[in-house]
Amino acid sequence: MTNDNFWDKEEEIATLSKGRGSEYRISKVTLKKREFISLREWTEDTAGEMRPTRKGVAIPMDLAEQVGAAVLKGSGAVFTLESEES
């Protein structure tokens, strides 16, 4: 999936329903040869089309593992990073 308005390349990883015509989309995106993980809220417009909102963040790929681990830690989930298994 490519968003011709901003990202050079976009690969959807997951969609999480927020309810009432809103969802979170997690995507692997590329802009000017730099990779990011994008987490953005999307909402349904009056025509029934899903559109991205301004609510979101693009995390540089080199920080994605650390951010993911921090989110899991904050949620109380048990996790092991691959680098910690070695």
N, C-alpha and C. Protein backbone atom coordinates (compact mmCIF):
# COMPACT_ATOMS: atom_id res chain seq x y z
N MET A 1 0.85 -1.17 0.00
CA MET A 1 0.00 0.00 0.00
C MET A 1 0.89 1.24 0.00
N THR A 2 0.67 2.14 -0.92
CA THR A 2 1.48 3.34 -0.99
C THR A 2 0.61 4.57 -0.80
N ASN A 3 1.04 5.46 0.05
CA ASN A 3 0.36 6.73 0.26
C ASN A 3 1.07 7.75 -0.60
N ASP A 4 0.49 8.11 -1.76
CA ASP A 4 1.14 9.00 -2.71
C ASP A 4 1.34 10.41 -2.18
N ASN A 5 0.71 10.74 -1.06
CA ASN A 5 0.80 12.10 -0.53
C ASN A 5 2.03 12.36 0.33
N PHE A 6 2.61 11.31 0.92
CA PHE A 6 3.72 11.56 1.84
C PHE A 6 4.83 10.53 1.76
N TRP A 7 4.57 9.27 2.11
CA TRP A 7 5.61 8.25 2.17
C TRP A 7 6.01 7.78 0.78
N ASP A 8 7.31 7.46 0.63
CA ASP A 8 7.78 6.87 -0.62
C ASP A 8 7.29 5.43 -0.73
N LYS A 9 7.22 4.74 0.40
CA LYS A 9 6.77 3.35 0.44
C LYS A 9 6.08 3.12 1.78
N GLU A 10 5.02 2.29 1.76
CA GLU A 10 4.28 2.00 2.99
C GLU A 10 3.80 0.56 2.96
N GLU A 11 4.12 -0.18 4.03
CA GLU A 11 3.70 -1.58 4.17
C GLU A 11 2.93 -1.71 5.48
N GLU A 12 1.64 -2.00 5.38
CA GLU A 12 0.81 -2.11 6.58
C GLU A 12 1.16 -3.37 7.35
N ILE A 13 1.38 -3.22 8.66
CA ILE A 13 1.72 -4.34 9.54
C ILE A 13 0.48 -4.81 10.29
N ALA A 14 -0.30 -3.87 10.83
CA ALA A 14 -1.48 -4.24 11.61
C ALA A 14 -2.48 -3.09 11.63
N THR A 15 -3.74 -3.45 11.81
CA THR A 15 -4.81 -2.49 12.00
C THR A 15 -5.58 -2.89 13.25
N LEU A 16 -5.73 -1.95 14.17
CA LEU A 16 -6.42 -2.21 15.43
C LEU A 16 -7.65 -1.31 15.53
N SER A 17 -8.82 -1.91 15.66
CA SER A 17 -10.06 -1.14 15.73
C SER A 17 -10.12 -0.34 17.02
N LYS A 18 -10.46 0.92 16.88
CA LYS A 18 -10.63 1.79 18.04
C LYS A 18 -12.13 1.94 18.34
N GLY A 19 -12.97 1.57 17.38
CA GLY A 19 -14.42 1.69 17.52
C GLY A 19 -14.94 2.97 16.90
N ARG A 20 -16.23 2.97 16.56
CA ARG A 20 -16.91 4.15 16.01
C ARG A 20 -16.21 4.78 14.82
N GLY A 21 -15.80 3.97 13.85
CA GLY A 21 -15.21 4.50 12.63
C GLY A 21 -13.78 4.96 12.76
N SER A 22 -13.09 4.54 13.81
CA SER A 22 -11.68 4.90 14.00
C SER A 22 -10.84 3.65 14.19
N GLU A 23 -9.59 3.73 13.77
CA GLU A 23 -8.66 2.61 13.94
C GLU A 23 -7.24 3.13 14.03
N TYR A 24 -6.37 2.29 14.58
CA TYR A 24 -4.94 2.57 14.59
C TYR A 24 -4.32 1.70 13.52
N ARG A 25 -3.43 2.28 12.73
CA ARG A 25 -2.69 1.53 11.72
C ARG A 25 -1.20 1.61 12.04
N ILE A 26 -0.58 0.44 12.06
CA ILE A 26 0.86 0.35 12.28
C ILE A 26 1.45 -0.08 10.94
N SER A 27 2.41 0.70 10.45
CA SER A 27 3.00 0.45 9.14
C SER A 27 4.51 0.62 9.17
N LYS A 28 5.18 -0.10 8.28
CA LYS A 28 6.60 0.13 8.03
C LYS A 28 6.64 1.07 6.83
N VAL A 29 7.27 2.24 7.01
CA VAL A 29 7.25 3.26 5.98
C VAL A 29 8.67 3.70 5.64
N THR A 30 8.81 4.25 4.43
CA THR A 30 10.10 4.75 3.96
C THR A 30 9.91 6.15 3.40
N LEU A 31 10.81 7.04 3.76
CA LEU A 31 10.83 8.39 3.23
C LEU A 31 12.28 8.78 2.99
N LYS A 32 12.61 9.09 1.76
CA LYS A 32 13.97 9.49 1.38
C LYS A 32 15.00 8.47 1.87
N LYS A 33 14.71 7.19 1.64
CA LYS A 33 15.59 6.05 1.97
C LYS A 33 15.74 5.80 3.47
N ARG A 34 14.97 6.48 4.31
CA ARG A 34 14.98 6.23 5.76
C ARG A 34 13.73 5.46 6.13
N GLU A 35 13.89 4.43 6.98
CA GLU A 35 12.77 3.59 7.38
C GLU A 35 12.26 3.98 8.77
N PHE A 36 10.95 3.87 8.93
CA PHE A 36 10.28 4.20 10.18
C PHE A 36 9.17 3.19 10.45
N ILE A 37 8.74 3.11 11.70
CA ILE A 37 7.49 2.45 12.06
C ILE A 37 6.50 3.58 12.33
N SER A 38 5.40 3.56 11.61
CA SER A 38 4.38 4.59 11.75
C SER A 38 3.20 4.03 12.53
N LEU A 39 2.78 4.75 13.55
CA LEU A 39 1.57 4.42 14.30
C LEU A 39 0.66 5.64 14.18
N ARG A 40 -0.47 5.46 13.49
CA ARG A 40 -1.34 6.61 13.21
C ARG A 40 -2.80 6.24 13.41
N GLU A 41 -3.56 7.20 13.90
CA GLU A 41 -5.01 7.04 14.02
C GLU A 41 -5.65 7.41 12.68
N TRP A 42 -6.55 6.55 12.23
CA TRP A 42 -7.32 6.80 11.01
C TRP A 42 -8.78 6.90 11.41
N THR A 43 -9.54 7.71 10.66
CA THR A 43 -10.97 7.86 10.95
C THR A 43 -11.76 7.89 9.65
N GLU A 44 -13.00 7.50 9.73
CA GLU A 44 -13.88 7.46 8.57
C GLU A 44 -14.43 8.85 8.29
N ASP A 45 -14.31 9.29 7.02
CA ASP A 45 -14.85 10.60 6.66
C ASP A 45 -16.33 10.48 6.29
N THR A 46 -16.96 11.58 5.89
CA THR A 46 -18.39 11.58 5.60
C THR A 46 -18.76 10.72 4.40
N ALA A 47 -17.79 10.44 3.52
CA ALA A 47 -18.03 9.59 2.35
C ALA A 47 -17.79 8.12 2.67
N GLY A 48 -17.39 7.83 3.91
CA GLY A 48 -17.13 6.44 4.29
C GLY A 48 -15.71 5.97 4.01
N GLU A 49 -14.84 6.88 3.58
CA GLU A 49 -13.43 6.55 3.30
C GLU A 49 -12.60 6.72 4.57
N MET A 50 -11.64 5.83 4.78
CA MET A 50 -10.73 5.96 5.92
C MET A 50 -9.63 6.95 5.56
N ARG A 51 -9.38 7.89 6.45
CA ARG A 51 -8.37 8.94 6.24
C ARG A 51 -7.46 9.03 7.47
N PRO A 52 -6.16 9.30 7.25
CA PRO A 52 -5.26 9.47 8.39
C PRO A 52 -5.55 10.79 9.10
N THR A 53 -5.37 10.78 10.42
CA THR A 53 -5.51 12.01 11.19
C THR A 53 -4.11 12.55 11.49
N ARG A 54 -4.04 13.65 12.17
CA ARG A 54 -2.75 14.21 12.58
C ARG A 54 -2.20 13.51 13.82
N LYS A 55 -3.03 12.65 14.43
CA LYS A 55 -2.63 11.95 15.65
C LYS A 55 -1.81 10.72 15.29
N GLY A 56 -0.51 10.80 15.52
CA GLY A 56 0.34 9.66 15.22
C GLY A 56 1.81 10.00 15.41
N VAL A 57 2.63 9.00 15.16
CA VAL A 57 4.07 9.16 15.32
C VAL A 57 4.78 8.25 14.33
N ALA A 58 5.92 8.69 13.85
CA ALA A 58 6.80 7.87 13.01
C ALA A 58 8.10 7.69 13.79
N ILE A 59 8.39 6.44 14.15
CA ILE A 59 9.56 6.13 14.97
C ILE A 59 10.68 5.64 14.05
N PRO A 60 11.87 6.26 14.11
CA PRO A 60 12.98 5.77 13.29
C PRO A 60 13.24 4.29 13.58
N MET A 61 13.54 3.54 12.53
CA MET A 61 13.71 2.10 12.66
C MET A 61 14.77 1.73 13.70
N ASP A 62 15.82 2.54 13.84
CA ASP A 62 16.87 2.20 14.81
C ASP A 62 16.41 2.33 16.26
N LEU A 63 15.26 2.97 16.50
CA LEU A 63 14.70 3.07 17.85
C LEU A 63 13.47 2.20 18.05
N ALA A 64 12.98 1.57 17.01
CA ALA A 64 11.71 0.83 17.07
C ALA A 64 11.73 -0.29 18.10
N GLU A 65 12.82 -1.05 18.19
CA GLU A 65 12.88 -2.15 19.15
C GLU A 65 12.83 -1.63 20.58
N GLN A 66 13.55 -0.56 20.86
CA GLN A 66 13.56 0.02 22.20
C GLN A 66 12.19 0.58 22.57
N VAL A 67 11.55 1.26 21.64
CA VAL A 67 10.22 1.82 21.90
C VAL A 67 9.22 0.69 22.13
N GLY A 68 9.27 -0.35 21.30
CA GLY A 68 8.38 -1.50 21.47
C GLY A 68 8.57 -2.16 22.82
N ALA A 69 9.81 -2.33 23.24
CA ALA A 69 10.10 -2.94 24.55
C ALA A 69 9.57 -2.08 25.68
N ALA A 70 9.70 -0.76 25.55
CA ALA A 70 9.20 0.15 26.59
C ALA A 70 7.67 0.10 26.68
N VAL A 71 7.00 0.00 25.53
CA VAL A 71 5.54 -0.11 25.52
C VAL A 71 5.11 -1.40 26.21
N LEU A 72 5.76 -2.50 25.87
CA LEU A 72 5.43 -3.78 26.51
C LEU A 72 5.70 -3.73 28.01
N LYS A 73 6.81 -3.13 28.40
CA LYS A 73 7.14 -3.01 29.82
C LYS A 73 6.06 -2.19 30.54
N GLY A 74 5.64 -1.11 29.93
CA GLY A 74 4.61 -0.27 30.53
C GLY A 74 3.26 -0.97 30.66
N SER A 75 3.00 -1.91 29.76
CA SER A 75 1.72 -2.63 29.80
C SER A 75 1.76 -3.80 30.77
N GLY A 76 2.94 -4.11 31.29
CA GLY A 76 3.09 -5.23 32.21
C GLY A 76 3.25 -6.57 31.50
N ALA A 77 3.37 -6.54 30.18
CA ALA A 77 3.53 -7.78 29.41
C ALA A 77 4.92 -8.36 29.64
N VAL A 78 5.01 -9.68 29.55
CA VAL A 78 6.29 -10.36 29.66
C VAL A 78 6.88 -10.44 28.26
N PHE A 79 8.14 -10.05 28.12
CA PHE A 79 8.77 -10.08 26.80
C PHE A 79 10.25 -10.37 26.93
N THR A 80 10.84 -10.82 25.83
CA THR A 80 12.27 -11.04 25.74
C THR A 80 12.73 -10.51 24.39
N LEU A 81 13.70 -9.61 24.38
CA LEU A 81 14.27 -9.13 23.15
C LEU A 81 15.22 -10.17 22.60
N GLU A 82 15.27 -10.30 21.27
CA GLU A 82 16.16 -11.27 20.65
C GLU A 82 17.60 -11.06 21.10
N SER A 83 18.02 -9.80 21.20
CA SER A 83 19.39 -9.51 21.60
C SER A 83 19.68 -9.94 23.03
N GLU A 84 18.64 -10.04 23.87
CA GLU A 84 18.82 -10.48 25.26
C GLU A 84 18.86 -11.99 25.38
N GLU A 85 18.34 -12.71 24.36
CA GLU A 85 18.31 -14.16 24.40
C GLU A 85 19.68 -14.78 24.17
N SER A 86 20.55 -14.06 23.48
CA SER A 86 21.87 -14.59 23.12
C SER A 86 22.78 -14.73 24.31
